Amino acid sequence: MKFISLIQISRRHIASRKRQNILSVITIGILFGIMLGAVFLFEGLEDVFVRTSNSLSGRKLYVTSNSCMNNVCLDWEALEPYVRQKSSAYNGEIVGKVDIYTYKNGGHSFKVVNEDFVKDVIEINLNQYNRGTLFKIISLDEADKLVNSPDDNSYVYGRKTYSLSEIEALKAATVGKTFSESFSVPTSTFVSEELLEGDPALEELSEEANYEEKTLEYVVAGVIGSSRTPTTISQGYRDIRILDFFLSSVSNRVIEPDLYVARDSDTTINYRELFDASERNTALPIIEFKSLDDAYAYYSAEDCNIEENLGKCTNYTVSELVGDRLNTTHALNILYYYFNYGEIALLLVAITISVFTFIRLVGENAKSIALYRSLGASSLEILVIYFFYLLELCLMTVFFSTVLGLGIAVVISLKDASVLSAMLTSLFAENVHPGLLIGLSSEVTKIIAAILLTAPICSVLTLDQLSTKNIAKKIKG
């Protein structure tokens, strides 16, 4: 009962100096609120990317390991055991592969994946087409070129974002339709000068290459987002928005580009013969992960140089087959790495201001403390009174800063909603409504914990103010 009475006394201190307490809470809460607002925004953006990627992949998480760089590749037989061993440490399992077919004399490569791994981006019924039909998943940029510049053989570069109506029009004009692809390939073996240096065997194989035109016919099985949509919502150099700090770090590739599809029911098509491919058995392993955390741990650990460590490296790069969850998580972690420096500095400033503000508030209660001592209250009882007084101020600060942080996230979400929605719609080739960018993470817990820790810190630092001698000095002063 006595304990409850002490808490009630502490609450009277809040009410007796309401204006000063509220001003102190607002001052401190603004600093913490800015930090919480940034965290809510960044986590909210990650949630949008993860949610949209899940819709593209049926919540499946497939990761590919790329074993090639500077024309040096590991064969599937050499790569597979290393990837299997390393991915198992992250609860990953090899469930398939992306076959890479290269013309015998070099010059052009094709990636082929089984339909099961990309079925959620296939927009037609493959079984309605004749056996031996070649299917391909293309980007919005390539669809735009096929529809609007069919005779242009230049490389596809994205130049804009696409509205939902433009995306629907491009899909209607390409999905399920037959197109032809022309390209030049060498008629004889061609080896780059870089690879020839110091290798007599390759020098004998190399000769001046002649080129011939090849043509492939394919049916568009699906259209995915623009491969080069600018992942930024600013309109110019002077229009830098807070979301750009995150978006500028996120890759805008949401699926392997120019991906041919191997239909399960079609055993007649021979991709090696179709692409006049070499006998080299090159492929990217497809690893399935049960959780995003496991996939990201594998993704972030795969930083390897195959030329320096041939036979021991599994790959150069790791990417997600469908979706953009890993790149988004990686961008957010890098951002937090730099944000932590500013966050730590701002936290120290905020905590320092909090401590001195709260100590001053307690110090101004010298007459009240003297009154409590004259009425027989012990130092411990007075400590309990002011501990709960400070704790309530901290809780008020938590409430105010959380509301302020949420308000910042809501205002920015609403302000940039249309521009962000347009960018995401073009990036994922489907209608994306980001909604309010509010997400939670351990960063929020850290900031709130820092506020709440102020109460015990201040309580310890005010112990000397509870002695009768110090109280007497303050009253005389």
Protein backbone atom coordinates (compact mmCIF):
# COMPACT_ATOMS: atom_id res chain seq x y z
CA MET A 1 0.00 0.00 0.00
CA LYS A 2 2.88 2.35 0.88
CA PHE A 3 4.47 1.60 -2.52
CA ILE A 4 1.28 2.68 -4.32
CA SER A 5 1.22 5.88 -2.26
CA LEU A 6 4.76 6.70 -3.40
CA ILE A 7 3.73 6.23 -7.06
CA GLN A 8 0.73 8.54 -6.51
CA ILE A 9 3.05 11.20 -5.07
CA SER A 10 5.30 10.91 -8.13
CA ARG A 11 2.28 11.47 -10.39
CA ARG A 12 1.41 14.66 -8.49
CA HIS A 13 4.81 16.04 -9.51
CA ILE A 14 3.84 15.54 -13.17
CA ALA A 15 0.59 17.46 -12.66
CA SER A 16 2.09 20.25 -10.51
CA ARG A 17 4.58 21.30 -13.20
CA LYS A 18 2.66 20.23 -16.24
CA ARG A 19 3.86 22.89 -18.68
CA GLN A 20 7.55 22.45 -17.92
CA ASN A 21 7.27 18.66 -18.08
CA ILE A 22 5.44 18.76 -21.40
CA LEU A 23 8.02 21.12 -22.94
CA SER A 24 10.83 18.81 -21.77
CA VAL A 25 9.09 15.76 -23.25
CA ILE A 26 8.51 17.54 -26.59
CA THR A 27 12.12 18.74 -26.83
CA ILE A 28 13.56 15.30 -26.17
CA GLY A 29 10.86 13.48 -28.16
CA ILE A 30 11.59 15.41 -31.36
CA LEU A 31 15.11 13.95 -31.54
CA PHE A 32 13.94 10.40 -30.91
CA GLY A 33 10.92 10.89 -33.19
CA ILE A 34 13.13 11.78 -36.17
CA MET A 35 15.10 8.56 -35.70
CA LEU A 36 11.94 6.46 -35.35
CA GLY A 37 10.45 8.10 -38.45
CA ALA A 38 13.47 7.09 -40.55
CA VAL A 39 13.31 3.51 -39.26
CA PHE A 40 9.57 3.24 -39.92
CA LEU A 41 10.10 4.49 -43.49
CA PHE A 42 12.98 2.21 -44.39
CA GLU A 43 11.38 -0.87 -42.88
CA GLY A 44 8.09 0.01 -44.57
CA LEU A 45 9.83 0.20 -47.94
CA GLU A 46 11.44 -3.19 -47.36
CA ASP A 47 8.02 -4.64 -46.53
CA VAL A 48 6.70 -3.33 -49.88
CA PHE A 49 9.53 -4.98 -51.83
CA VAL A 50 9.21 -8.26 -49.94
CA ARG A 51 5.42 -8.33 -50.27
CA THR A 52 5.52 -7.62 -54.02
CA SER A 53 8.35 -10.08 -54.60
CA ASN A 54 6.31 -12.73 -52.79
CA SER A 55 3.44 -12.17 -55.22
CA LEU A 56 5.82 -12.70 -58.15
CA SER A 57 7.29 -15.90 -56.79
CA GLY A 58 4.42 -17.56 -54.93
CA ARG A 59 6.45 -16.91 -51.76
CA LYS A 60 9.15 -19.28 -53.03
CA LEU A 61 12.72 -18.10 -52.49
CA TYR A 62 15.08 -19.31 -55.22
CA VAL A 63 18.67 -18.08 -55.36
CA THR A 64 21.15 -18.63 -58.17
CA SER A 65 24.94 -18.67 -57.86
CA ASN A 66 26.85 -17.26 -60.82
CA SER A 67 30.10 -19.11 -61.46
CA CYS A 68 31.43 -17.01 -64.36
CA MET A 69 33.51 -13.88 -64.60
CA ASN A 70 35.84 -12.58 -67.32
CA ASN A 71 34.92 -15.62 -69.46
CA VAL A 72 36.15 -18.01 -66.75
CA CYS A 73 33.47 -20.47 -65.65
CA LEU A 74 33.18 -23.62 -63.61
CA ASP A 75 31.37 -26.55 -65.21
CA TRP A 76 28.22 -27.75 -63.48
CA GLU A 77 29.99 -30.91 -62.31
CA ALA A 78 32.71 -28.82 -60.63
CA LEU A 79 30.40 -26.14 -59.26
CA GLU A 80 27.52 -28.25 -57.91
CA PRO A 81 29.31 -29.99 -54.98
CA TYR A 82 30.79 -26.72 -53.69
CA VAL A 83 27.45 -24.92 -53.83
CA ARG A 84 25.66 -27.87 -52.23
CA GLN A 85 28.12 -27.99 -49.34
CA LYS A 86 28.13 -24.25 -48.74
CA SER A 87 24.37 -23.71 -49.10
CA SER A 88 23.60 -26.54 -46.68
CA ALA A 89 25.29 -24.49 -43.95
CA TYR A 90 22.55 -21.90 -44.48
CA ASN A 91 19.67 -24.41 -44.67
CA GLY A 92 19.64 -24.16 -48.46
CA GLU A 93 19.02 -27.01 -50.88
CA ILE A 94 19.85 -27.25 -54.60
CA VAL A 95 16.56 -27.97 -56.34
CA GLY A 96 17.44 -27.27 -59.98
CA LYS A 97 19.59 -25.23 -62.32
CA VAL A 98 19.51 -22.52 -64.95
CA ASP A 99 21.22 -24.02 -68.00
CA ILE A 100 23.51 -21.69 -69.94
CA TYR A 101 23.93 -22.53 -73.62
CA THR A 102 26.67 -20.79 -75.59
CA TYR A 103 27.27 -21.01 -79.33
CA LYS A 104 30.11 -23.37 -80.14
CA ASN A 105 32.23 -20.55 -81.49
CA GLY A 106 31.24 -18.13 -78.75
CA GLY A 107 29.54 -14.81 -79.15
CA HIS A 108 26.07 -15.45 -77.69
CA SER A 109 24.64 -17.15 -74.61
CA PHE A 110 21.13 -18.20 -73.59
CA LYS A 111 19.66 -19.00 -70.19
CA VAL A 112 16.98 -21.68 -69.88
CA VAL A 113 15.00 -22.47 -66.72
CA ASN A 114 12.35 -25.06 -65.97
CA GLU A 115 8.81 -23.64 -65.92
CA ASP A 116 8.28 -24.68 -62.28
CA PHE A 117 10.68 -22.02 -61.02
CA VAL A 118 9.04 -19.12 -62.88
CA LYS A 119 5.42 -20.33 -63.11
CA ASP A 120 4.12 -17.28 -61.24
CA VAL A 121 5.40 -14.92 -63.95
CA ILE A 122 4.17 -17.10 -66.84
CA GLU A 123 0.96 -15.51 -68.14
CA ILE A 124 -0.15 -18.10 -70.68
CA ASN A 125 -1.03 -21.79 -70.73
CA LEU A 126 2.07 -23.35 -72.26
CA ASN A 127 0.22 -26.59 -73.09
CA GLN A 128 -1.92 -24.74 -75.64
CA TYR A 129 1.10 -24.47 -77.93
CA ASN A 130 2.67 -27.12 -80.13
CA ARG A 131 5.48 -29.26 -78.83
CA GLY A 132 8.85 -27.78 -79.69
CA THR A 133 7.70 -24.20 -79.18
CA LEU A 134 10.33 -21.91 -77.68
CA PHE A 135 9.07 -19.71 -74.82
CA LYS A 136 10.70 -16.62 -73.38
CA ILE A 137 10.17 -14.22 -70.49
CA ILE A 138 10.98 -10.65 -71.48
CA SER A 139 11.21 -7.27 -69.74
CA LEU A 140 8.95 -4.28 -70.28
CA ASP A 141 11.80 -2.57 -72.10
CA GLU A 142 12.10 -5.45 -74.57
CA ALA A 143 8.32 -5.59 -74.98
CA ASP A 144 8.35 -1.85 -75.71
CA LYS A 145 10.99 -2.36 -78.38
CA LEU A 146 9.12 -5.30 -79.96
CA VAL A 147 5.92 -3.26 -80.20
CA ASN A 148 7.22 0.20 -81.03
CA SER A 149 10.60 -0.42 -82.69
CA PRO A 150 10.50 -3.96 -84.11
CA ASP A 151 13.31 -3.31 -86.61
CA ASP A 152 15.68 -1.84 -84.05
CA ASN A 153 18.40 -4.39 -83.21
CA SER A 154 20.19 -2.19 -80.68
CA TYR A 155 20.54 -3.21 -77.05
CA VAL A 156 17.50 -2.46 -74.92
CA TYR A 157 17.94 0.38 -72.44
CA GLY A 158 15.09 1.46 -70.22
CA ARG A 159 14.37 5.15 -70.70
CA LYS A 160 11.26 5.66 -68.58
CA THR A 161 8.85 4.29 -66.08
CA TYR A 162 5.69 2.68 -67.43
CA SER A 163 2.18 3.49 -66.32
CA LEU A 164 -0.27 0.68 -65.57
CA SER A 165 -2.17 1.34 -68.82
CA GLU A 166 1.09 1.18 -70.81
CA ILE A 167 2.03 -2.07 -69.10
CA GLU A 168 -1.35 -3.62 -69.89
CA ALA A 169 -1.08 -2.48 -73.52
CA LEU A 170 2.44 -3.91 -73.90
CA LYS A 171 1.38 -7.21 -72.33
CA ALA A 172 -1.66 -7.44 -74.58
CA ALA A 173 0.54 -6.86 -77.62
CA THR A 174 3.26 -9.37 -76.71
CA VAL A 175 2.12 -12.10 -74.29
CA GLY A 176 1.22 -15.25 -76.23
CA LYS A 177 2.47 -13.75 -79.50
CA THR A 178 5.31 -15.11 -81.66
CA PHE A 179 8.37 -12.99 -82.34
CA SER A 180 11.75 -13.58 -83.95
CA GLU A 181 15.13 -12.67 -82.56
CA SER A 182 18.12 -12.01 -84.81
CA PHE A 183 21.74 -11.90 -83.76
CA SER A 184 25.23 -12.48 -85.15
CA VAL A 185 27.47 -15.37 -84.12
CA PRO A 186 31.01 -16.23 -85.20
CA THR A 187 31.40 -19.11 -87.65
CA SER A 188 34.80 -20.04 -86.20
CA THR A 189 36.37 -20.16 -82.77
CA PHE A 190 37.00 -16.77 -81.29
CA VAL A 191 39.04 -16.17 -78.14
CA SER A 192 39.64 -12.75 -76.60
CA GLU A 193 43.18 -11.32 -76.49
CA GLU A 194 42.98 -11.24 -72.70
CA LEU A 195 42.57 -15.00 -72.51
CA LEU A 196 45.21 -15.68 -75.15
CA GLU A 197 48.06 -14.17 -73.19
CA GLY A 198 50.46 -16.86 -72.04
CA ASP A 199 48.31 -19.80 -73.23
CA PRO A 200 49.73 -21.48 -76.39
CA ALA A 201 46.86 -24.01 -76.54
CA LEU A 202 44.29 -21.25 -76.85
CA GLU A 203 46.43 -19.35 -79.35
CA GLU A 204 46.27 -22.35 -81.70
CA LEU A 205 42.47 -22.41 -81.49
CA SER A 206 42.11 -18.70 -82.19
CA GLU A 207 41.68 -17.39 -85.71
CA GLU A 208 39.95 -14.47 -87.30
CA ALA A 209 36.22 -14.97 -86.87
CA ASN A 210 33.57 -14.54 -89.54
CA TYR A 211 29.99 -13.87 -88.45
CA GLU A 212 26.64 -15.09 -89.68
CA GLU A 213 23.08 -14.10 -88.86
CA LYS A 214 20.93 -16.41 -86.76
CA THR A 215 17.20 -16.18 -86.15
CA LEU A 216 15.11 -17.72 -83.38
CA GLU A 217 11.32 -17.73 -83.13
CA TYR A 218 9.79 -17.66 -79.66
CA VAL A 219 6.48 -17.09 -77.91
CA VAL A 220 6.39 -14.50 -75.12
CA ALA A 221 5.33 -16.39 -71.99
CA GLY A 222 5.40 -13.44 -69.60
CA VAL A 223 6.48 -9.83 -69.20
CA ILE A 224 8.34 -8.72 -66.09
CA GLY A 225 9.32 -5.27 -64.84
CA SER A 226 11.55 -2.81 -66.60
CA SER A 227 15.16 -3.96 -66.33
CA ARG A 228 16.40 -0.39 -66.02
CA THR A 229 13.66 1.53 -64.27
CA PRO A 230 15.30 4.29 -62.21
CA THR A 231 14.92 3.26 -58.57
CA THR A 232 14.58 6.82 -57.40
CA ILE A 233 11.57 9.03 -56.93
CA SER A 234 13.31 12.41 -57.12
CA GLN A 235 12.53 14.52 -60.14
CA GLY A 236 15.92 16.20 -60.34
CA TYR A 237 19.14 17.00 -58.53
CA ARG A 238 17.43 19.64 -56.40
CA ASP A 239 14.50 17.39 -55.57
CA ILE A 240 16.18 14.90 -53.25
CA ARG A 241 13.62 13.06 -51.13
CA ILE A 242 14.29 11.05 -47.99
CA LEU A 243 13.16 7.82 -49.71
CA ASP A 244 15.93 8.23 -52.30
CA PHE A 245 18.53 7.44 -49.64
CA PHE A 246 17.08 3.93 -49.57
CA LEU A 247 15.89 3.47 -53.14
CA SER A 248 19.19 4.54 -54.71
CA SER A 249 20.81 1.51 -53.05
CA VAL A 250 18.25 -1.05 -54.25
CA SER A 251 18.89 -3.03 -57.40
CA ASN A 252 16.09 -2.82 -59.94
CA ARG A 253 16.40 -6.31 -61.38
CA VAL A 254 13.47 -8.45 -60.27
CA ILE A 255 14.09 -11.51 -62.45
CA GLU A 256 16.86 -12.96 -64.62
CA PRO A 257 16.47 -11.02 -67.91
CA ASP A 258 15.92 -12.74 -71.27
CA LEU A 259 15.03 -16.09 -69.72
CA TYR A 260 13.87 -18.97 -71.92
CA VAL A 261 11.46 -21.47 -70.41
CA ALA A 262 11.78 -25.25 -70.59
CA ARG A 263 8.28 -26.75 -70.57
CA ASP A 264 7.89 -29.87 -68.42
CA SER A 265 5.63 -31.66 -70.89
CA ASP A 266 7.87 -30.96 -73.89
CA THR A 267 10.63 -33.52 -74.35
CA THR A 268 11.05 -32.89 -78.09
CA ILE A 269 12.97 -29.64 -77.90
CA ASN A 270 16.75 -29.98 -77.58
CA TYR A 271 18.10 -26.67 -76.36
CA ARG A 272 21.69 -27.64 -76.99
CA GLU A 273 20.98 -28.30 -80.64
CA LEU A 274 18.55 -25.39 -80.89
CA PHE A 275 21.18 -22.93 -79.73
CA ASP A 276 23.98 -24.76 -81.57
CA ALA A 277 25.60 -24.88 -78.16
CA SER A 278 29.06 -25.99 -77.11
CA GLU A 279 29.54 -29.18 -75.13
CA ARG A 280 30.59 -27.26 -72.05
CA ASN A 281 28.05 -28.00 -69.32
CA THR A 282 27.64 -24.61 -67.70
CA ALA A 283 24.73 -23.84 -65.39
CA LEU A 284 23.66 -21.76 -62.42
CA PRO A 285 22.48 -23.81 -59.45
CA ILE A 286 19.03 -22.92 -58.12
CA ILE A 287 18.99 -23.05 -54.31
CA GLU A 288 15.76 -23.02 -52.34
CA PHE A 289 15.70 -21.42 -48.90
CA LYS A 290 12.95 -21.72 -46.33
CA SER A 291 13.45 -18.23 -44.91
CA LEU A 292 14.64 -14.84 -46.07
CA ASP A 293 17.16 -14.68 -43.22
CA ASP A 294 18.87 -17.90 -44.33
CA ALA A 295 18.92 -16.77 -47.96
CA TYR A 296 20.35 -13.40 -47.02
CA ALA A 297 23.06 -14.99 -44.84
CA TYR A 298 24.12 -17.06 -47.88
CA TYR A 299 23.79 -14.06 -50.19
CA SER A 300 25.94 -11.77 -48.06
CA ALA A 301 28.61 -14.46 -47.51
CA GLU A 302 29.18 -15.10 -51.21
CA ASP A 303 31.99 -12.68 -51.97
CA CYS A 304 34.55 -14.73 -53.83
CA ASN A 305 37.17 -14.39 -56.58
CA ILE A 306 37.30 -17.46 -58.77
CA GLU A 307 40.55 -16.47 -60.51
CA GLU A 308 42.42 -16.23 -57.21
CA ASN A 309 40.80 -19.29 -55.67
CA LEU A 310 39.76 -21.54 -58.56
CA GLY A 311 38.11 -24.74 -57.38
CA LYS A 312 37.40 -23.43 -53.88
CA CYS A 313 35.04 -20.60 -54.79
CA THR A 314 31.38 -21.31 -55.42
CA ASN A 315 30.72 -18.14 -57.35
CA TYR A 316 31.21 -14.46 -57.88
CA THR A 317 27.68 -13.26 -57.38
CA VAL A 318 24.48 -14.51 -55.85
CA SER A 319 21.11 -13.24 -57.02
CA GLU A 320 17.45 -14.04 -56.58
CA LEU A 321 15.84 -15.85 -59.49
CA VAL A 322 12.49 -14.06 -59.09
CA GLY A 323 11.94 -11.05 -56.85
CA ASP A 324 14.04 -8.40 -55.20
CA ARG A 325 14.07 -9.38 -51.54
CA LEU A 326 17.79 -10.08 -51.13
CA ASN A 327 18.98 -6.90 -52.84
CA THR A 328 16.47 -4.89 -50.84
CA THR A 329 17.54 -6.44 -47.52
CA HIS A 330 21.19 -5.93 -48.43
CA ALA A 331 20.59 -2.28 -49.33
CA LEU A 332 18.76 -1.74 -46.04
CA ASN A 333 21.58 -3.35 -44.03
CA ILE A 334 24.18 -1.19 -45.78
CA LEU A 335 22.03 1.85 -45.11
CA TYR A 336 21.73 0.93 -41.44
CA TYR A 337 25.51 0.49 -41.31
CA TYR A 338 25.94 4.17 -42.17
CA PHE A 339 22.77 5.20 -40.38
CA ASN A 340 24.11 3.66 -37.17
CA TYR A 341 26.88 6.27 -36.99
CA GLY A 342 24.38 9.08 -37.19
CA GLU A 343 21.92 7.18 -35.03
CA ILE A 344 24.51 6.57 -32.32
CA ALA A 345 25.56 10.23 -32.39
CA LEU A 346 21.94 11.39 -32.27
CA LEU A 347 21.13 8.89 -29.52
CA LEU A 348 24.04 10.14 -27.42
CA VAL A 349 22.92 13.74 -27.93
CA ALA A 350 19.31 12.86 -27.12
CA ILE A 351 20.25 10.81 -24.05
CA THR A 352 22.61 13.54 -22.82
CA ILE A 353 19.90 16.18 -23.20
CA SER A 354 17.41 13.84 -21.53
CA VAL A 355 19.67 13.16 -18.57
CA PHE A 356 20.52 16.80 -17.92
CA THR A 357 16.91 17.90 -18.43
CA PHE A 358 15.54 15.30 -16.02
CA ILE A 359 18.28 15.92 -13.44
CA ARG A 360 17.45 19.61 -13.56
CA LEU A 361 13.76 18.83 -13.03
CA VAL A 362 14.60 16.76 -9.97
CA GLY A 363 17.05 19.42 -8.69
CA GLU A 364 14.32 22.06 -8.79
CA ASN A 365 12.32 19.96 -6.30
CA ALA A 366 14.72 20.58 -3.39
CA LYS A 367 11.99 22.07 -1.19
CA SER A 368 9.69 19.13 -1.88
CA ILE A 369 12.49 16.68 -1.05
CA ALA A 370 13.18 18.55 2.20
CA LEU A 371 9.49 18.39 3.05
CA TYR A 372 9.43 14.62 2.45
CA ARG A 373 12.49 14.18 4.70
CA SER A 374 10.94 16.30 7.45
CA LEU A 375 7.84 14.10 7.30
CA GLY A 376 10.03 11.03 7.90
CA ALA A 377 10.51 9.74 4.35
CA SER A 378 13.72 7.78 3.86
CA SER A 379 16.17 8.37 0.98
CA LEU A 380 15.01 5.10 -0.62
CA GLU A 381 11.37 6.21 -0.54
CA ILE A 382 12.24 9.57 -2.11
CA LEU A 383 14.31 7.72 -4.72
CA VAL A 384 11.25 5.59 -5.56
CA ILE A 385 9.10 8.73 -5.90
CA TYR A 386 11.47 10.39 -8.36
CA PHE A 387 12.27 7.19 -10.20
CA PHE A 388 8.62 6.75 -11.12
CA TYR A 389 8.38 10.49 -11.82
CA LEU A 390 11.21 10.16 -14.35
CA LEU A 391 9.86 6.85 -15.65
CA GLU A 392 6.52 8.47 -16.41
CA LEU A 393 8.29 11.30 -18.22
CA CYS A 394 10.19 8.68 -20.23
CA LEU A 395 6.97 6.85 -21.09
CA MET A 396 5.46 10.15 -22.21
CA THR A 397 8.56 10.72 -24.36
CA VAL A 398 8.21 7.24 -25.87
CA PHE A 399 4.58 7.94 -26.69
CA PHE A 400 5.27 11.37 -28.17
CA SER A 401 8.33 10.27 -30.21
CA THR A 402 6.47 7.19 -31.52
CA VAL A 403 3.51 9.31 -32.59
CA LEU A 404 5.88 11.85 -34.16
CA GLY A 405 7.82 9.09 -35.98
CA LEU A 406 4.61 7.57 -37.28
CA GLY A 407 3.45 11.02 -38.36
CA ILE A 408 6.68 11.62 -40.29
CA ALA A 409 6.33 8.23 -42.03
CA VAL A 410 2.66 8.87 -42.86
CA VAL A 411 3.30 12.37 -44.26
CA ILE A 412 6.17 11.22 -46.47
CA SER A 413 4.20 8.11 -47.56
CA LEU A 414 1.24 10.24 -48.62
CA LYS A 415 3.40 12.96 -50.17
CA ASP A 416 5.35 10.55 -52.38
CA ALA A 417 2.63 7.90 -52.81
CA SER A 418 1.85 8.51 -56.50
CA VAL A 419 5.49 8.81 -57.60
CA LEU A 420 6.55 5.77 -55.58
CA SER A 421 3.59 3.73 -56.84
CA ALA A 422 4.47 4.59 -60.46
CA MET A 423 8.09 3.55 -59.93
CA LEU A 424 7.16 0.26 -58.23
CA THR A 425 4.49 -0.54 -60.84
CA SER A 426 7.07 -0.16 -63.60
CA LEU A 427 9.68 -2.10 -61.62
CA PHE A 428 7.44 -5.10 -60.94
CA ALA A 429 5.14 -4.86 -64.02
CA GLU A 430 2.05 -5.06 -61.85
CA ASN A 431 -0.11 -2.56 -60.03
CA VAL A 432 1.64 -1.80 -56.73
CA HIS A 433 0.08 0.30 -53.98
CA PRO A 434 2.81 0.86 -51.38
CA GLY A 435 0.38 2.18 -48.79
CA LEU A 436 1.74 3.68 -45.59
CA LEU A 437 5.46 3.02 -45.26
CA ILE A 438 5.51 1.87 -41.66
CA GLY A 439 7.57 -1.15 -40.65
CA LEU A 440 9.05 -2.43 -37.41
CA SER A 441 12.51 -3.75 -36.61
CA SER A 442 14.98 -4.15 -33.77
CA GLU A 443 16.09 -0.56 -34.44
CA VAL A 444 12.77 0.67 -33.04
CA THR A 445 13.32 -1.40 -29.90
CA LYS A 446 16.82 0.06 -29.45
CA ILE A 447 15.59 3.64 -29.68
CA ILE A 448 12.70 3.06 -27.27
CA ALA A 449 15.01 1.20 -24.85
CA ALA A 450 17.41 4.18 -24.93
CA ILE A 451 14.59 6.48 -23.86
CA LEU A 452 13.45 4.19 -21.04
CA LEU A 453 17.03 3.74 -19.77
CA THR A 454 17.11 7.46 -19.03
CA ALA A 455 14.93 6.95 -15.93
CA PRO A 456 17.29 4.63 -13.97
CA ILE A 457 20.36 6.59 -15.18
CA CYS A 458 18.91 9.86 -13.89
CA SER A 459 17.77 8.22 -10.68
CA VAL A 460 21.30 7.05 -9.91
CA LEU A 461 22.78 10.45 -10.81
CA THR A 462 20.36 12.26 -8.46
CA LEU A 463 21.22 10.18 -5.38
CA ASP A 464 23.52 12.89 -4.05
CA GLN A 465 20.64 15.38 -4.17
CA LEU A 466 18.69 13.33 -1.63
CA SER A 467 21.14 13.88 1.24
CA THR A 468 20.00 16.26 3.99
CA LYS A 469 23.19 18.33 3.67
CA ASN A 470 22.74 19.02 -0.06
CA ILE A 471 19.05 19.77 0.39
CA ALA A 472 19.84 22.33 3.11
CA LYS A 473 22.39 24.05 0.88
CA LYS A 474 19.92 24.36 -2.00
CA ILE A 475 17.18 25.75 0.25
CA LYS A 476 19.54 28.34 1.74
CA GLY A 477 20.82 29.22 -1.75
